Amino acid sequence: MSADSTSFNHPSFGRMTPDRVIIFDTTLRDGEQSPGFSMNLAEKLRMAEALATLGVDVIEAGFPVASKGDFESVNEIARHTKGVVVCALARSGGAKDIVAAGEALAPAERRRIHNFISTSPLHMKYKLRMEPETVLELITSGNTAARNLTDDVEWSAEDGSRTDPDFCAAAWRLPSRPGPPPSTSPTR
């Protein structure tokens, strides 16, 4: 691939063009939220290895601040799973979340912190009880805290499908790293 003005350096994948698709799997985190479904550590390690073998680029291994077990699972996946980026979830406004994510991911060859915050008017008003400006500040501080622990940072707009488009655009313009930021808009 030739280096042109549209390509950029990604902290985990090197030189990339904007049309490069990164496969991001949340089975080990979101799968745990499915009723009647949970995995023990050995099963999570086996799943992580299978995902790596399949060629998944990023494995979101868990939410380390949620429980001691989730922290240990992310840490063991980070320690044993090779050839992929191991990712941990953290709330943008939760300093403990981001620190726990960084500590759990420490042994990984390549690591990513995925921080998120609610951005819809409904969630900001009733769930977070915050003004939009405060949410933007927390996005910035969350991304900054995560960048102090790893170069690969992702940010998501929780309830993004109900977020005002202009507010969502303003939030996504906040830097998580140089180059186009990996951002997602889950509808949870």
N, C-alpha and C. Protein backbone atom coordinates (compact mmCIF):
# COMPACT_ATOMS: atom_id res chain seq x y z
N MET A 1 0.85 -1.16 0.00
CA MET A 1 0.00 0.00 0.00
C MET A 1 0.90 1.23 0.00
N SER A 2 0.62 2.17 -0.86
CA SER A 2 1.42 3.38 -0.90
C SER A 2 0.92 4.35 0.16
N ALA A 3 1.86 5.08 0.75
CA ALA A 3 1.49 6.08 1.74
C ALA A 3 1.04 7.33 1.01
N ASP A 4 -0.22 7.65 1.13
CA ASP A 4 -0.72 8.87 0.49
C ASP A 4 -1.37 9.74 1.56
N SER A 5 -1.96 10.83 1.14
CA SER A 5 -2.52 11.78 2.10
C SER A 5 -3.74 11.25 2.83
N THR A 6 -4.35 10.16 2.32
CA THR A 6 -5.53 9.62 3.00
C THR A 6 -5.17 8.52 3.99
N SER A 7 -3.95 8.03 3.96
CA SER A 7 -3.58 6.98 4.90
C SER A 7 -3.11 7.62 6.20
N PHE A 8 -3.10 6.83 7.25
CA PHE A 8 -2.69 7.33 8.56
C PHE A 8 -2.05 6.18 9.34
N ASN A 9 -1.33 6.51 10.39
CA ASN A 9 -0.74 5.51 11.26
C ASN A 9 -1.68 5.19 12.40
N HIS A 10 -2.04 3.93 12.51
CA HIS A 10 -2.87 3.45 13.61
C HIS A 10 -1.93 2.86 14.66
N PRO A 11 -2.17 3.13 15.95
CA PRO A 11 -1.24 2.65 16.97
C PRO A 11 -1.14 1.13 17.07
N SER A 12 -2.16 0.40 16.66
CA SER A 12 -2.10 -1.06 16.73
C SER A 12 -1.90 -1.74 15.39
N PHE A 13 -2.26 -1.07 14.29
CA PHE A 13 -2.24 -1.72 12.98
C PHE A 13 -1.28 -1.07 11.99
N GLY A 14 -0.56 -0.05 12.40
CA GLY A 14 0.40 0.60 11.52
C GLY A 14 -0.27 1.46 10.46
N ARG A 15 0.36 1.57 9.29
CA ARG A 15 -0.14 2.42 8.21
C ARG A 15 -1.43 1.84 7.65
N MET A 16 -2.48 2.66 7.62
CA MET A 16 -3.79 2.20 7.15
C MET A 16 -4.42 3.23 6.23
N THR A 17 -5.29 2.74 5.36
CA THR A 17 -6.12 3.64 4.57
C THR A 17 -7.51 3.65 5.22
N PRO A 18 -8.28 4.71 5.00
CA PRO A 18 -9.60 4.80 5.64
C PRO A 18 -10.57 3.68 5.27
N ASP A 19 -10.31 2.95 4.17
CA ASP A 19 -11.22 1.89 3.79
C ASP A 19 -10.88 0.54 4.44
N ARG A 20 -9.86 0.48 5.26
CA ARG A 20 -9.48 -0.75 5.98
C ARG A 20 -10.55 -1.06 7.02
N VAL A 21 -11.08 -2.26 7.01
CA VAL A 21 -12.08 -2.69 7.98
C VAL A 21 -11.38 -3.46 9.09
N ILE A 22 -11.67 -3.07 10.32
CA ILE A 22 -11.12 -3.75 11.49
C ILE A 22 -12.26 -4.56 12.12
N ILE A 23 -12.05 -5.85 12.27
CA ILE A 23 -13.07 -6.73 12.86
C ILE A 23 -12.95 -6.64 14.38
N PHE A 24 -14.03 -6.15 14.99
CA PHE A 24 -14.09 -5.89 16.44
C PHE A 24 -15.15 -6.81 17.03
N ASP A 25 -14.75 -7.74 17.90
CA ASP A 25 -15.68 -8.73 18.45
C ASP A 25 -15.95 -8.46 19.93
N THR A 26 -17.24 -8.48 20.29
CA THR A 26 -17.64 -8.22 21.68
C THR A 26 -18.23 -9.46 22.37
N THR A 27 -18.01 -10.64 21.81
CA THR A 27 -18.59 -11.86 22.38
C THR A 27 -18.26 -12.01 23.86
N LEU A 28 -17.02 -11.75 24.25
CA LEU A 28 -16.61 -11.98 25.64
C LEU A 28 -17.17 -10.94 26.61
N ARG A 29 -17.60 -9.79 26.11
CA ARG A 29 -18.20 -8.78 26.98
C ARG A 29 -19.71 -8.78 26.83
N ASP A 30 -20.21 -8.51 25.63
CA ASP A 30 -21.66 -8.46 25.43
C ASP A 30 -22.31 -9.83 25.61
N GLY A 31 -21.61 -10.88 25.25
CA GLY A 31 -22.15 -12.22 25.40
C GLY A 31 -22.48 -12.54 26.85
N GLU A 32 -21.70 -12.00 27.75
CA GLU A 32 -21.94 -12.22 29.18
C GLU A 32 -23.25 -11.59 29.64
N GLN A 33 -23.80 -10.67 28.88
CA GLN A 33 -25.03 -10.00 29.27
C GLN A 33 -26.28 -10.75 28.79
N SER A 34 -26.07 -11.82 28.04
CA SER A 34 -27.21 -12.60 27.53
C SER A 34 -27.76 -13.47 28.65
N PRO A 35 -29.07 -13.46 28.85
CA PRO A 35 -29.68 -14.27 29.92
C PRO A 35 -29.30 -15.74 29.79
N GLY A 36 -28.87 -16.32 30.89
CA GLY A 36 -28.55 -17.74 30.92
C GLY A 36 -27.22 -18.10 30.31
N PHE A 37 -26.43 -17.13 29.92
CA PHE A 37 -25.16 -17.41 29.27
C PHE A 37 -24.03 -16.77 30.05
N SER A 38 -23.08 -17.55 30.46
CA SER A 38 -21.85 -17.02 31.04
C SER A 38 -20.76 -18.06 30.82
N MET A 39 -19.52 -17.61 30.87
CA MET A 39 -18.39 -18.50 30.66
C MET A 39 -17.45 -18.39 31.85
N ASN A 40 -16.82 -19.51 32.20
CA ASN A 40 -15.77 -19.44 33.22
C ASN A 40 -14.48 -19.00 32.54
N LEU A 41 -13.43 -18.82 33.32
CA LEU A 41 -12.17 -18.30 32.77
C LEU A 41 -11.61 -19.21 31.68
N ALA A 42 -11.61 -20.50 31.89
CA ALA A 42 -11.07 -21.42 30.87
C ALA A 42 -11.84 -21.30 29.56
N GLU A 43 -13.17 -21.19 29.66
CA GLU A 43 -13.99 -21.05 28.45
C GLU A 43 -13.73 -19.71 27.75
N LYS A 44 -13.53 -18.65 28.54
CA LYS A 44 -13.22 -17.34 27.94
C LYS A 44 -11.88 -17.38 27.23
N LEU A 45 -10.90 -18.02 27.84
CA LEU A 45 -9.58 -18.13 27.19
C LEU A 45 -9.68 -18.94 25.90
N ARG A 46 -10.46 -20.01 25.92
CA ARG A 46 -10.65 -20.82 24.71
C ARG A 46 -11.36 -20.02 23.62
N MET A 47 -12.36 -19.24 24.01
CA MET A 47 -13.09 -18.39 23.05
C MET A 47 -12.15 -17.33 22.47
N ALA A 48 -11.34 -16.70 23.31
CA ALA A 48 -10.41 -15.67 22.84
C ALA A 48 -9.42 -16.27 21.84
N GLU A 49 -8.92 -17.47 22.12
CA GLU A 49 -7.99 -18.12 21.20
C GLU A 49 -8.68 -18.45 19.88
N ALA A 50 -9.93 -18.91 19.95
CA ALA A 50 -10.69 -19.21 18.72
C ALA A 50 -10.90 -17.94 17.89
N LEU A 51 -11.24 -16.84 18.55
CA LEU A 51 -11.44 -15.57 17.84
C LEU A 51 -10.14 -15.12 17.18
N ALA A 52 -9.03 -15.26 17.90
CA ALA A 52 -7.72 -14.90 17.32
C ALA A 52 -7.41 -15.78 16.11
N THR A 53 -7.68 -17.07 16.22
CA THR A 53 -7.44 -17.99 15.11
C THR A 53 -8.30 -17.64 13.90
N LEU A 54 -9.53 -17.17 14.14
CA LEU A 54 -10.42 -16.77 13.05
C LEU A 54 -9.95 -15.49 12.35
N GLY A 55 -9.04 -14.76 12.97
CA GLY A 55 -8.54 -13.54 12.36
C GLY A 55 -9.22 -12.27 12.82
N VAL A 56 -9.95 -12.34 13.93
CA VAL A 56 -10.53 -11.14 14.50
C VAL A 56 -9.39 -10.18 14.86
N ASP A 57 -9.57 -8.90 14.59
CA ASP A 57 -8.52 -7.92 14.86
C ASP A 57 -8.51 -7.45 16.31
N VAL A 58 -9.71 -7.21 16.87
CA VAL A 58 -9.84 -6.67 18.22
C VAL A 58 -10.84 -7.51 18.99
N ILE A 59 -10.45 -7.96 20.19
CA ILE A 59 -11.34 -8.71 21.07
C ILE A 59 -11.63 -7.85 22.29
N GLU A 60 -12.90 -7.45 22.43
CA GLU A 60 -13.28 -6.73 23.65
C GLU A 60 -13.52 -7.79 24.72
N ALA A 61 -12.57 -7.90 25.65
CA ALA A 61 -12.52 -9.01 26.58
C ALA A 61 -13.40 -8.83 27.81
N GLY A 62 -13.78 -7.61 28.14
CA GLY A 62 -14.63 -7.42 29.31
C GLY A 62 -14.61 -6.01 29.83
N PHE A 63 -15.21 -5.85 31.00
CA PHE A 63 -15.41 -4.57 31.67
C PHE A 63 -14.74 -4.70 33.04
N PRO A 64 -13.42 -4.49 33.12
CA PRO A 64 -12.66 -4.84 34.31
C PRO A 64 -13.17 -4.25 35.64
N VAL A 65 -13.76 -3.08 35.62
CA VAL A 65 -14.21 -2.48 36.87
C VAL A 65 -15.50 -3.14 37.38
N ALA A 66 -16.19 -3.91 36.55
CA ALA A 66 -17.48 -4.49 36.91
C ALA A 66 -17.37 -5.50 38.05
N SER A 67 -16.30 -6.28 38.06
CA SER A 67 -16.14 -7.29 39.11
C SER A 67 -14.70 -7.79 39.12
N LYS A 68 -14.32 -8.42 40.22
CA LYS A 68 -12.99 -9.01 40.32
C LYS A 68 -12.82 -10.08 39.23
N GLY A 69 -13.89 -10.86 39.01
CA GLY A 69 -13.83 -11.91 37.99
C GLY A 69 -13.63 -11.35 36.59
N ASP A 70 -14.32 -10.25 36.27
CA ASP A 70 -14.15 -9.63 34.96
C ASP A 70 -12.72 -9.08 34.81
N PHE A 71 -12.21 -8.45 35.87
CA PHE A 71 -10.83 -7.94 35.84
C PHE A 71 -9.86 -9.10 35.55
N GLU A 72 -10.00 -10.19 36.30
CA GLU A 72 -9.10 -11.34 36.14
C GLU A 72 -9.21 -11.95 34.75
N SER A 73 -10.42 -12.03 34.22
CA SER A 73 -10.61 -12.59 32.88
C SER A 73 -9.91 -11.73 31.82
N VAL A 74 -10.11 -10.41 31.89
CA VAL A 74 -9.46 -9.52 30.93
C VAL A 74 -7.94 -9.64 31.05
N ASN A 75 -7.45 -9.68 32.29
CA ASN A 75 -6.02 -9.77 32.53
C ASN A 75 -5.44 -11.07 31.96
N GLU A 76 -6.12 -12.19 32.17
CA GLU A 76 -5.63 -13.48 31.66
C GLU A 76 -5.72 -13.55 30.14
N ILE A 77 -6.77 -13.01 29.57
CA ILE A 77 -6.88 -12.96 28.10
C ILE A 77 -5.75 -12.10 27.55
N ALA A 78 -5.49 -10.96 28.20
CA ALA A 78 -4.39 -10.08 27.77
C ALA A 78 -3.05 -10.80 27.85
N ARG A 79 -2.87 -11.60 28.86
CA ARG A 79 -1.61 -12.31 29.09
C ARG A 79 -1.40 -13.45 28.07
N HIS A 80 -2.47 -14.15 27.70
CA HIS A 80 -2.33 -15.38 26.93
C HIS A 80 -2.71 -15.28 25.45
N THR A 81 -3.48 -14.29 25.06
CA THR A 81 -3.97 -14.23 23.67
C THR A 81 -3.01 -13.37 22.85
N LYS A 82 -2.48 -13.95 21.81
CA LYS A 82 -1.47 -13.27 20.99
C LYS A 82 -2.01 -12.98 19.60
N GLY A 83 -1.44 -11.96 18.96
CA GLY A 83 -1.77 -11.65 17.57
C GLY A 83 -3.00 -10.79 17.37
N VAL A 84 -3.65 -10.36 18.45
CA VAL A 84 -4.83 -9.51 18.35
C VAL A 84 -4.69 -8.34 19.31
N VAL A 85 -5.53 -7.35 19.12
CA VAL A 85 -5.63 -6.27 20.10
C VAL A 85 -6.65 -6.72 21.14
N VAL A 86 -6.26 -6.69 22.40
CA VAL A 86 -7.18 -7.01 23.49
C VAL A 86 -7.70 -5.69 24.03
N CYS A 87 -9.01 -5.60 24.12
CA CYS A 87 -9.68 -4.36 24.48
C CYS A 87 -10.47 -4.53 25.77
N ALA A 88 -10.51 -3.46 26.57
CA ALA A 88 -11.32 -3.45 27.78
C ALA A 88 -12.26 -2.25 27.73
N LEU A 89 -13.46 -2.42 28.26
CA LEU A 89 -14.48 -1.38 28.29
C LEU A 89 -14.36 -0.57 29.58
N ALA A 90 -14.61 0.74 29.47
CA ALA A 90 -14.58 1.64 30.63
C ALA A 90 -15.52 2.81 30.38
N ARG A 91 -16.12 3.33 31.44
CA ARG A 91 -16.96 4.52 31.30
C ARG A 91 -16.07 5.76 31.20
N SER A 92 -16.44 6.68 30.30
CA SER A 92 -15.66 7.91 30.09
C SER A 92 -15.52 8.72 31.37
N GLY A 93 -16.57 8.77 32.17
CA GLY A 93 -16.54 9.57 33.39
C GLY A 93 -16.03 8.82 34.59
N GLY A 94 -15.56 7.61 34.41
CA GLY A 94 -15.13 6.80 35.55
C GLY A 94 -13.63 6.64 35.60
N ALA A 95 -12.95 7.46 36.39
CA ALA A 95 -11.50 7.36 36.50
C ALA A 95 -11.08 5.96 36.95
N LYS A 96 -11.82 5.37 37.90
CA LYS A 96 -11.52 4.01 38.35
C LYS A 96 -11.67 3.02 37.20
N ASP A 97 -12.67 3.23 36.36
CA ASP A 97 -12.90 2.36 35.20
C ASP A 97 -11.68 2.32 34.30
N ILE A 98 -11.18 3.49 33.97
CA ILE A 98 -10.08 3.58 33.01
C ILE A 98 -8.80 3.02 33.61
N VAL A 99 -8.55 3.29 34.88
CA VAL A 99 -7.37 2.73 35.56
C VAL A 99 -7.47 1.21 35.61
N ALA A 100 -8.65 0.68 35.97
CA ALA A 100 -8.83 -0.78 36.01
C ALA A 100 -8.61 -1.40 34.63
N ALA A 101 -9.12 -0.74 33.59
CA ALA A 101 -8.92 -1.23 32.23
C ALA A 101 -7.44 -1.28 31.88
N GLY A 102 -6.73 -0.20 32.19
CA GLY A 102 -5.29 -0.16 31.91
C GLY A 102 -4.52 -1.24 32.66
N GLU A 103 -4.86 -1.45 33.92
CA GLU A 103 -4.17 -2.47 34.72
C GLU A 103 -4.48 -3.88 34.20
N ALA A 104 -5.73 -4.13 33.87
CA ALA A 104 -6.10 -5.45 33.37
C ALA A 104 -5.42 -5.75 32.03
N LEU A 105 -5.26 -4.74 31.21
CA LEU A 105 -4.67 -4.92 29.88
C LEU A 105 -3.14 -4.91 29.87
N ALA A 106 -2.51 -4.58 30.99
CA ALA A 106 -1.05 -4.39 31.04
C ALA A 106 -0.25 -5.49 30.36
N PRO A 107 -0.57 -6.78 30.52
CA PRO A 107 0.28 -7.80 29.88
C PRO A 107 0.03 -8.01 28.38
N ALA A 108 -0.93 -7.34 27.79
CA ALA A 108 -1.26 -7.57 26.38
C ALA A 108 -0.15 -7.09 25.45
N GLU A 109 0.06 -7.84 24.34
CA GLU A 109 0.98 -7.39 23.30
C GLU A 109 0.50 -6.06 22.72
N ARG A 110 -0.80 -6.01 22.42
CA ARG A 110 -1.44 -4.81 21.89
C ARG A 110 -2.73 -4.62 22.66
N ARG A 111 -3.00 -3.40 23.09
CA ARG A 111 -4.15 -3.14 23.95
C ARG A 111 -4.93 -1.93 23.49
N ARG A 112 -6.23 -1.94 23.82
CA ARG A 112 -7.11 -0.81 23.52
C ARG A 112 -8.04 -0.60 24.71
N ILE A 113 -8.27 0.65 25.04
CA ILE A 113 -9.29 1.00 26.02
C ILE A 113 -10.45 1.61 25.24
N HIS A 114 -11.63 1.04 25.44
CA HIS A 114 -12.85 1.50 24.79
C HIS A 114 -13.71 2.18 25.87
N ASN A 115 -13.74 3.51 25.83
CA ASN A 115 -14.54 4.21 26.81
C ASN A 115 -15.80 4.76 26.17
N PHE A 116 -16.84 4.90 26.98
CA PHE A 116 -18.15 5.28 26.44
C PHE A 116 -18.88 6.15 27.46
N ILE A 117 -19.87 6.88 26.94
CA ILE A 117 -20.79 7.63 27.79
C ILE A 117 -22.08 7.85 27.01
N SER A 118 -23.17 7.97 27.72
CA SER A 118 -24.47 8.23 27.09
C SER A 118 -24.48 9.63 26.50
N THR A 119 -25.06 9.74 25.31
CA THR A 119 -25.08 11.04 24.63
C THR A 119 -26.47 11.49 24.18
N SER A 120 -27.48 10.65 24.33
CA SER A 120 -28.82 11.07 23.93
C SER A 120 -29.37 12.06 24.96
N PRO A 121 -30.23 12.97 24.54
CA PRO A 121 -30.83 13.90 25.51
C PRO A 121 -31.50 13.17 26.67
N LEU A 122 -32.20 12.09 26.37
CA LEU A 122 -32.89 11.31 27.41
C LEU A 122 -31.90 10.77 28.44
N HIS A 123 -30.84 10.14 27.98
CA HIS A 123 -29.85 9.57 28.89
C HIS A 123 -29.09 10.66 29.65
N MET A 124 -28.72 11.73 28.95
CA MET A 124 -27.99 12.80 29.64
C MET A 124 -28.83 13.38 30.77
N LYS A 125 -30.12 13.58 30.49
CA LYS A 125 -31.00 14.21 31.49
C LYS A 125 -31.35 13.27 32.64
N TYR A 126 -31.77 12.04 32.32
CA TYR A 126 -32.32 11.16 33.35
C TYR A 126 -31.35 10.11 33.88
N LYS A 127 -30.44 9.63 33.07
CA LYS A 127 -29.49 8.61 33.52
C LYS A 127 -28.26 9.26 34.15
N LEU A 128 -27.68 10.20 33.42
CA LEU A 128 -26.46 10.85 33.90
C LEU A 128 -26.73 12.08 34.76
N ARG A 129 -27.87 12.74 34.50
CA ARG A 129 -28.21 14.01 35.15
C ARG A 129 -27.09 15.04 34.92
N MET A 130 -26.73 15.16 33.64
CA MET A 130 -25.64 16.05 33.23
C MET A 130 -26.06 16.91 32.06
N GLU A 131 -25.45 18.07 31.99
CA GLU A 131 -25.61 18.96 30.84
C GLU A 131 -24.72 18.46 29.70
N PRO A 132 -25.07 18.74 28.45
CA PRO A 132 -24.24 18.31 27.32
C PRO A 132 -22.78 18.76 27.42
N GLU A 133 -22.53 19.96 27.90
CA GLU A 133 -21.15 20.45 28.01
C GLU A 133 -20.34 19.57 28.97
N THR A 134 -20.97 19.12 30.05
CA THR A 134 -20.29 18.26 31.00
C THR A 134 -19.96 16.91 30.37
N VAL A 135 -20.88 16.39 29.57
CA VAL A 135 -20.64 15.12 28.88
C VAL A 135 -19.44 15.27 27.92
N LEU A 136 -19.38 16.37 27.19
CA LEU A 136 -18.24 16.60 26.29
C LEU A 136 -16.93 16.68 27.08
N GLU A 137 -16.96 17.30 28.23
CA GLU A 137 -15.76 17.37 29.08
C GLU A 137 -15.34 15.98 29.54
N LEU A 138 -16.32 15.15 29.90
CA LEU A 138 -16.00 13.79 30.34
C LEU A 138 -15.46 12.93 29.20
N ILE A 139 -15.96 13.15 27.99
CA ILE A 139 -15.41 12.44 26.83
C ILE A 139 -13.93 12.80 26.67
N THR A 140 -13.64 14.08 26.73
CA THR A 140 -12.25 14.53 26.59
C THR A 140 -11.37 13.99 27.70
N SER A 141 -11.84 14.10 28.96
CA SER A 141 -11.01 13.62 30.07
C SER A 141 -10.87 12.10 30.03
N GLY A 142 -11.93 11.39 29.62
CA GLY A 142 -11.84 9.94 29.51
C GLY A 142 -10.84 9.51 28.44
N ASN A 143 -10.90 10.16 27.28
CA ASN A 143 -9.94 9.85 26.22
C ASN A 143 -8.52 10.17 26.64
N THR A 144 -8.34 11.29 27.34
CA THR A 144 -7.00 11.68 27.80
C THR A 144 -6.47 10.67 28.81
N ALA A 145 -7.30 10.29 29.78
CA ALA A 145 -6.87 9.30 30.78
C ALA A 145 -6.51 7.98 30.12
N ALA A 146 -7.32 7.54 29.17
CA ALA A 146 -7.04 6.29 28.48
C ALA A 146 -5.76 6.39 27.66
N ARG A 147 -5.54 7.55 27.01
CA ARG A 147 -4.32 7.74 26.20
C ARG A 147 -3.06 7.74 27.07
N ASN A 148 -3.20 8.04 28.35
CA ASN A 148 -2.05 7.95 29.25
C ASN A 148 -1.67 6.50 29.54
N LEU A 149 -2.55 5.55 29.20
CA LEU A 149 -2.30 4.14 29.47
C LEU A 149 -2.05 3.31 28.22
N THR A 150 -2.52 3.80 27.06
CA THR A 150 -2.32 3.09 25.79
C THR A 150 -2.51 4.08 24.65
N ASP A 151 -1.88 3.80 23.53
CA ASP A 151 -2.05 4.66 22.35
C ASP A 151 -3.33 4.36 21.59
N ASP A 152 -3.92 3.19 21.81
CA ASP A 152 -5.10 2.78 21.07
C ASP A 152 -6.33 2.99 21.95
N VAL A 153 -7.10 4.02 21.63
CA VAL A 153 -8.27 4.41 22.41
C VAL A 153 -9.47 4.50 21.48
N GLU A 154 -10.57 3.92 21.92
CA GLU A 154 -11.83 4.00 21.19
C GLU A 154 -12.85 4.67 22.09
N TRP A 155 -13.73 5.44 21.49
CA TRP A 155 -14.81 6.07 22.24
C TRP A 155 -16.15 5.74 21.58
N SER A 156 -17.17 5.50 22.40
CA SER A 156 -18.51 5.21 21.89
C SER A 156 -19.56 6.12 22.50
N ALA A 157 -20.56 6.41 21.69
CA ALA A 157 -21.72 7.17 22.14
C ALA A 157 -22.80 6.17 22.53
N GLU A 158 -22.98 5.95 23.83
CA GLU A 158 -24.05 5.07 24.27
C GLU A 158 -25.38 5.72 23.95
N ASP A 159 -26.33 4.95 23.46
CA ASP A 159 -27.64 5.44 23.03
C ASP A 159 -27.47 6.44 21.88
N GLY A 160 -26.45 6.20 21.07
CA GLY A 160 -26.10 7.11 19.98
C GLY A 160 -27.18 7.27 18.93
N SER A 161 -28.03 6.26 18.75
CA SER A 161 -29.05 6.36 17.71
C SER A 161 -30.12 7.40 18.06
N ARG A 162 -30.21 7.77 19.33
CA ARG A 162 -31.17 8.81 19.72
C ARG A 162 -30.47 10.13 20.06
N THR A 163 -29.20 10.23 19.72
CA THR A 163 -28.43 11.43 19.99
C THR A 163 -28.65 12.45 18.89
N ASP A 164 -28.74 13.71 19.27
CA ASP A 164 -28.83 14.79 18.29
C ASP A 164 -27.61 14.70 17.37
N PRO A 165 -27.81 14.71 16.05
CA PRO A 165 -26.69 14.54 15.12
C PRO A 165 -25.58 15.59 15.31
N ASP A 166 -25.93 16.84 15.57
CA ASP A 166 -24.90 17.87 15.76
C ASP A 166 -24.09 17.60 17.03
N PHE A 167 -24.78 17.18 18.10
CA PHE A 167 -24.06 16.87 19.34
C PHE A 167 -23.16 15.66 19.14
N CYS A 168 -23.67 14.65 18.44
CA CYS A 168 -22.88 13.45 18.18
C CYS A 168 -21.63 13.81 17.36
N ALA A 169 -21.80 14.66 16.36
CA ALA A 169 -20.65 15.08 15.54
C ALA A 169 -19.63 15.82 16.39
N ALA A 170 -20.10 16.69 17.28
CA ALA A 170 -19.18 17.42 18.17
C ALA A 170 -18.42 16.45 19.07
N ALA A 171 -19.11 15.44 19.59
CA ALA A 171 -18.46 14.46 20.46
C ALA A 171 -17.42 13.65 19.68
N TRP A 172 -17.76 13.25 18.46
CA TRP A 172 -16.83 12.45 17.67
C TRP A 172 -15.63 13.25 17.19
N ARG A 173 -15.76 14.57 17.14
CA ARG A 173 -14.60 15.38 16.75
C ARG A 173 -13.58 15.50 17.88
N LEU A 174 -13.97 15.16 19.10
CA LEU A 174 -13.03 15.21 20.21
C LEU A 174 -11.98 14.13 19.98
N PRO A 175 -10.72 14.47 20.10
CA PRO A 175 -9.68 13.50 19.73
C PRO A 175 -9.55 12.36 20.72
N SER A 176 -9.47 11.13 20.19
CA SER A 176 -9.11 9.98 21.00
C SER A 176 -7.68 9.55 20.65
N ARG A 177 -7.23 9.94 19.47
CA ARG A 177 -5.86 9.67 19.02
C ARG A 177 -5.68 10.38 17.68
N PRO A 178 -4.45 10.49 17.22
CA PRO A 178 -4.26 11.07 15.88
C PRO A 178 -4.90 10.19 14.81
N GLY A 179 -5.35 10.80 13.74
CA GLY A 179 -5.99 10.06 12.66
C GLY A 179 -7.46 9.88 12.93
N PRO A 180 -8.16 9.26 12.02
CA PRO A 180 -9.59 9.04 12.22
C PRO A 180 -9.83 8.20 13.47
N PRO A 181 -10.65 8.68 14.41
CA PRO A 181 -10.83 7.94 15.66
C PRO A 181 -11.74 6.73 15.47
N PRO A 182 -11.37 5.61 16.13
CA PRO A 182 -12.31 4.50 16.10
C PRO A 182 -13.46 4.86 17.02
N SER A 183 -14.63 5.03 16.48
CA SER A 183 -15.80 5.39 17.26
C SER A 183 -16.93 4.49 16.84
N THR A 184 -17.78 4.16 17.80
CA THR A 184 -18.94 3.35 17.50
C THR A 184 -20.16 4.00 18.13
N SER A 185 -21.30 3.57 17.71
CA SER A 185 -22.55 4.12 18.24
C SER A 185 -23.51 2.99 18.58
N PRO A 186 -23.26 2.32 19.72
CA PRO A 186 -24.17 1.26 20.10
C PRO A 186 -25.54 1.83 20.49
N THR A 187 -26.55 1.03 20.36
CA THR A 187 -27.91 1.49 20.66
C THR A 187 -28.39 0.99 22.01
N ARG A 188 -27.54 0.45 22.80
CA ARG A 188 -27.97 -0.10 24.10
C ARG A 188 -28.52 0.95 25.02
